[in-house]
C-alpha cells in the first residue's frame, strides 16, 4: 500500500510534512464527488468529468530523452485542459482559494492514466520536487499530490523525499529547448535506493528536460528503469 500523503501545507512547514498531511476537505471530496462531473454537475460515473466535458487526450509523445524508459501524459495542455491545469497548479491562497473541483479533475486524470500505462507496476512513485523555498511560497507541490494519487492507484509505495532539488531554478516557460536543459542541469540529487523501477511524476511536460535531469539523478542512485508520468503535455512553441 502507498504510504504518506501529498497535500497543501502551511508555509514554512517541513517538506516531509508538506507532502504527507491530508486536509479534511480532501477526504470529504473523495466521498462526495466521484459520480458528479466537476465541470457541469451532471452524472459522471467514470469521473471526474462527464462525456460532454471530457478533455482532449495528449498526443503520442515523441521518443523520450535517454534517461527515461518511456513517458506518458493524460491530457493535452490546451483549451479547457489548460484551464483545468492552471486552476490546479495556481490556486489562490487561503480558504477562498480552495478549488476541490480542479484537484478532483487532476487526480482523476492521472489515476485514469495509471490504469492505461503499459508494463509492470513500479517499485516506487517519486514526484519531481520543488525547491524548499518555492514549496514554502506555494504551500504545496502539485507533482507530489499527483504522485501520491498514482501510488494509491497502483498500490505501491510513495517516496516523496527520494529526490531533492538543489537550486530554485527559474521557470522553464519561454525558454528554448537548449536553455531548458541548461536551466536544470545538475539540479537534482537522489538518495541511494534498491528500487529497480520508478514512476517519476510531474504536472506538465514540454521538452522533458526536467524529467530527464531528475531521471538521471535516480539512475545514479541505483534505479534501472524510470517511467515519466505527467498530467499534461504542452508542446514547445517556437
Protein backbone atom coordinates (compact mmCIF):
# COMPACT_ATOMS: atom_id res chain seq x y z
CA UNK A 1 0.00 0.00 0.00
CA UNK A 2 1.09 3.56 -0.59
CA UNK A 3 2.47 5.42 2.36
CA UNK A 4 2.43 9.14 3.09
CA UNK A 5 0.29 11.81 1.50
CA UNK A 6 0.94 14.81 -0.69
CA UNK A 7 -1.10 17.85 0.18
CA UNK A 8 -1.11 21.58 0.51
CA UNK A 9 0.88 22.61 3.56
CA UNK A 10 1.13 25.75 5.59
CA UNK A 11 4.04 27.98 4.53
CA UNK A 12 7.18 27.12 6.47
CA UNK A 13 6.19 23.50 7.18
CA UNK A 14 8.92 20.89 6.72
CA UNK A 15 8.92 19.30 3.30
CA UNK A 16 8.03 15.82 4.52
CA UNK A 17 5.01 17.13 6.44
CA UNK A 18 4.01 19.29 3.50
CA UNK A 19 3.72 16.22 1.31
CA UNK A 20 2.02 13.91 3.81
CA UNK A 21 -0.72 15.87 5.55
CA UNK A 22 -4.28 15.30 4.25
CA UNK A 23 -6.80 18.08 4.92
CA UNK A 24 -10.30 17.15 5.99
CA UNK A 25 -11.84 18.58 2.83
CA UNK A 26 -9.93 16.15 0.58
CA UNK A 27 -11.31 13.13 2.41
CA UNK A 28 -14.78 14.66 2.13
CA UNK A 29 -14.19 15.33 -1.56
CA UNK A 30 -13.37 11.70 -2.22
CA UNK A 31 -16.70 10.71 -0.67
CA UNK A 32 -18.89 13.36 -2.29
CA UNK A 33 -17.67 13.92 -5.85
CA UNK A 34 -16.81 10.60 -7.53
CA UNK A 35 -20.04 10.36 -9.58
CA UNK A 36 -20.53 14.05 -10.36
CA UNK A 37 -18.90 15.93 -13.24
CA UNK A 38 -16.60 18.58 -11.80
CA UNK A 39 -17.40 20.90 -14.69
CA UNK A 40 -21.16 20.77 -15.29
CA UNK A 41 -22.56 18.80 -12.33
CA UNK A 42 -24.12 16.06 -14.43
CA UNK A 43 -23.67 12.40 -13.59
CA UNK A 44 -20.16 11.16 -14.33
CA UNK A 45 -19.94 7.55 -13.12
CA UNK A 46 -16.42 7.19 -14.54
CA UNK A 47 -15.43 10.66 -13.17
CA UNK A 48 -14.09 13.22 -12.83
CA UNK A 49 -15.74 14.66 -15.96
CA UNK A 50 -18.75 13.52 -17.94
CA UNK A 51 -18.51 12.58 -21.61
CA UNK A 52 -19.63 16.03 -22.75
CA UNK A 53 -16.90 17.74 -20.71
CA UNK A 54 -14.11 15.22 -21.37
CA UNK A 55 -10.74 16.75 -22.21
CA UNK A 56 -8.57 16.14 -25.25
CA UNK A 57 -6.09 13.34 -24.59
CA UNK A 58 -2.41 14.00 -25.07
CA UNK A 59 -0.98 13.05 -28.43
CA UNK A 60 1.52 10.21 -28.51
CA UNK A 61 4.70 11.75 -27.14
CA UNK A 62 7.93 11.80 -29.12
CA UNK A 63 10.62 9.28 -28.12
CA UNK A 64 11.66 10.13 -24.55
CA UNK A 65 15.01 11.59 -23.52
CA UNK A 66 17.64 8.90 -22.96
CA UNK A 67 17.37 8.85 -19.16
CA UNK A 68 13.67 7.91 -19.38
CA UNK A 69 12.50 4.47 -20.42
CA UNK A 70 9.18 5.93 -21.56
CA UNK A 71 6.95 8.90 -20.81
CA UNK A 72 3.21 9.44 -20.78
CA UNK A 73 0.72 12.29 -20.28
CA UNK A 74 -3.01 12.20 -19.56
CA UNK A 75 -4.22 15.25 -21.50
CA UNK A 76 -3.12 17.96 -23.89
CA UNK A 77 -2.35 21.29 -22.24
CA UNK A 78 -4.72 23.28 -24.45
CA UNK A 79 -8.19 24.78 -24.28
CA UNK A 80 -10.22 23.52 -21.35
CA UNK A 81 -7.42 21.12 -20.42
CA UNK A 82 -5.01 24.02 -19.98
CA UNK A 83 -7.59 25.89 -17.91
CA UNK A 84 -8.01 22.95 -15.51
CA UNK A 85 -4.25 22.52 -15.17
CA UNK A 86 -3.79 26.20 -14.31
CA UNK A 87 -6.60 26.06 -11.75
CA UNK A 88 -4.97 23.03 -10.15
CA UNK A 89 -1.42 24.40 -10.12
CA UNK A 90 -2.11 28.00 -9.11
CA UNK A 91 -4.96 28.24 -6.58
CA UNK A 92 -5.35 31.41 -4.57
CA UNK A 93 -4.09 31.27 -1.00
CA UNK A 94 -6.32 30.61 1.97
CA UNK A 95 -9.85 29.28 2.20
CA UNK A 96 -11.13 31.43 -0.70
CA UNK A 97 -8.58 29.73 -2.94
CA UNK A 98 -9.66 26.15 -2.24
CA UNK A 99 -10.55 24.57 -5.59
CA UNK A 100 -11.57 20.97 -4.91
CA UNK A 101 -13.03 20.59 -8.40
CA UNK A 102 -9.66 21.30 -10.04
CA UNK A 103 -7.92 18.86 -7.73
CA UNK A 104 -10.56 16.22 -8.38
CA UNK A 105 -10.06 16.61 -12.14
CA UNK A 106 -6.26 16.48 -11.94
CA UNK A 107 -6.20 13.48 -9.62
CA UNK A 108 -8.89 11.66 -11.59
CA UNK A 109 -7.00 12.16 -14.84
CA UNK A 110 -3.70 10.78 -13.55
CA UNK A 111 -5.48 7.82 -11.96
CA UNK A 112 -7.05 7.10 -15.34
CA UNK A 113 -3.62 7.33 -16.97
CA UNK A 114 -2.18 4.87 -14.43
CA UNK A 115 -4.78 2.30 -15.45
CA UNK A 116 -3.62 2.58 -19.09
CA UNK A 117 0.15 2.52 -18.55
CA UNK A 118 1.93 -0.42 -20.17
CA UNK A 119 4.41 -2.61 -18.37
CA UNK A 120 4.80 -3.76 -14.81
CA UNK A 121 3.88 -1.70 -11.78
CA UNK A 122 6.77 0.32 -10.29
CA UNK A 123 8.54 -0.29 -7.02
CA UNK A 124 8.22 3.40 -6.08
CA UNK A 125 6.40 6.50 -7.25
CA UNK A 126 8.51 9.66 -6.98
CA UNK A 127 7.45 13.28 -7.62
CA UNK A 128 9.64 15.91 -9.26
CA UNK A 129 10.41 18.05 -6.19
CA UNK A 130 10.14 21.77 -5.70
CA UNK A 131 12.97 23.65 -4.06
CA UNK A 132 12.28 24.17 -0.33
CA UNK A 133 11.89 27.94 -0.80
CA UNK A 134 9.39 27.50 -3.63
CA UNK A 135 7.46 24.92 -1.60
CA UNK A 136 7.14 27.37 1.30
CA UNK A 137 5.91 30.08 -1.05
CA UNK A 138 3.39 27.92 -2.91
CA UNK A 139 2.26 25.85 0.04
CA UNK A 140 2.09 22.57 -1.89
CA UNK A 141 3.82 20.66 -4.67
CA UNK A 142 1.38 19.73 -7.49
CA UNK A 143 3.67 16.94 -8.70
CA UNK A 144 3.76 15.40 -5.21
CA UNK A 145 -0.01 15.44 -4.92
CA UNK A 146 -0.32 13.71 -8.31
CA UNK A 147 2.41 11.19 -7.46
CA UNK A 148 0.65 10.25 -4.25
CA UNK A 149 -2.55 9.62 -6.22
CA UNK A 150 -0.64 7.45 -8.70
CA UNK A 151 0.87 5.43 -5.87
CA UNK A 152 -2.52 4.84 -4.32
CA UNK A 153 -4.00 3.76 -7.64
CA UNK A 154 -1.12 1.36 -8.35
CA UNK A 155 -0.94 0.22 -4.70
CA UNK A 156 2.77 0.85 -4.44
CA UNK A 157 4.98 2.95 -2.20
CA UNK A 158 5.06 6.74 -2.49
CA UNK A 159 8.55 8.19 -1.98
CA UNK A 160 8.14 11.98 -1.67
CA UNK A 161 11.68 12.75 -0.49
CA UNK A 162 13.79 10.38 -2.56
CA UNK A 163 14.66 13.28 -4.89
CA UNK A 164 15.88 16.71 -3.79
CA UNK A 165 16.10 19.90 -5.83
CA UNK A 166 19.35 21.67 -5.03
CA UNK A 167 18.61 25.06 -6.64
CA UNK A 168 15.50 27.18 -7.03
CA UNK A 169 15.69 27.41 -10.81
CA UNK A 170 13.78 30.00 -12.88
CA UNK A 171 10.60 28.89 -14.64
CA UNK A 172 11.12 26.95 -17.86
CA UNK A 173 8.29 28.87 -19.55
CA UNK A 174 9.52 30.81 -22.55
CA UNK A 175 12.92 29.11 -22.70
CA UNK A 176 14.27 27.32 -25.76
CA UNK A 177 14.95 23.59 -25.70
CA UNK A 178 18.69 24.15 -25.12
CA UNK A 179 18.06 26.79 -22.45
CA UNK A 180 15.71 24.43 -20.63
CA UNK A 181 18.41 21.77 -20.46
CA UNK A 182 20.95 24.28 -19.12
CA UNK A 183 18.47 25.65 -16.58
CA UNK A 184 18.01 22.28 -14.83
CA UNK A 185 21.46 20.77 -15.37
CA UNK A 186 22.68 19.17 -12.14
CA UNK A 187 19.74 20.48 -10.14
CA UNK A 188 18.58 17.13 -8.68
CA UNK A 189 20.17 14.63 -6.33
CA UNK A 190 18.65 11.32 -5.21
CA UNK A 191 19.13 9.12 -2.18
CA UNK A 192 20.55 5.68 -2.84
CA UNK A 193 17.80 3.14 -3.44
CA UNK A 194 17.43 -0.53 -4.31
CA UNK A 195 14.19 0.10 -6.23
CA UNK A 196 14.77 -1.08 -9.81
CA UNK A 197 11.69 0.56 -11.38
CA UNK A 198 10.30 4.02 -10.62
CA UNK A 199 7.48 6.18 -11.92
CA UNK A 200 8.64 9.81 -11.97
CA UNK A 201 5.65 12.17 -11.78
CA UNK A 202 5.33 15.80 -12.85
CA UNK A 203 2.38 18.05 -13.58
CA UNK A 204 3.25 19.38 -17.07
CA UNK A 205 5.86 18.13 -19.54
CA UNK A 206 7.08 20.12 -22.55
CA UNK A 207 10.51 19.07 -23.81
CA UNK A 208 11.18 16.63 -20.98
CA UNK A 209 14.28 18.46 -19.77
CA UNK A 210 13.21 18.48 -16.12
CA UNK A 211 12.04 14.86 -16.18
CA UNK A 212 15.23 13.79 -17.90
CA UNK A 213 17.50 15.53 -15.38
CA UNK A 214 15.54 14.05 -12.47
CA UNK A 215 15.70 10.62 -14.11
CA UNK A 216 19.49 10.89 -14.40
CA UNK A 217 19.72 11.53 -10.67
CA UNK A 218 17.55 8.48 -9.98
CA UNK A 219 19.68 6.29 -12.21
CA UNK A 220 22.84 7.46 -10.46
CA UNK A 221 21.16 6.40 -7.20
CA UNK A 222 20.56 2.86 -8.43
CA UNK A 223 17.25 2.94 -10.35
CA UNK A 224 17.37 0.92 -13.58
CA UNK A 225 14.08 1.98 -15.21
CA UNK A 226 12.40 5.39 -14.95
CA UNK A 227 8.97 6.00 -16.48
CA UNK A 228 7.71 9.57 -16.73
CA UNK A 229 4.05 10.08 -15.76
CA UNK A 230 2.53 13.54 -16.28
CA UNK A 231 -0.83 15.22 -16.03
CA UNK A 232 -0.48 17.24 -19.23
CA UNK A 233 1.71 17.66 -22.31
CA UNK A 234 2.35 21.15 -23.65
CA UNK A 235 4.35 21.14 -26.90
CA UNK A 236 7.18 23.67 -27.19
CA UNK A 237 6.10 26.59 -29.38
CA UNK A 238 8.70 28.45 -31.43
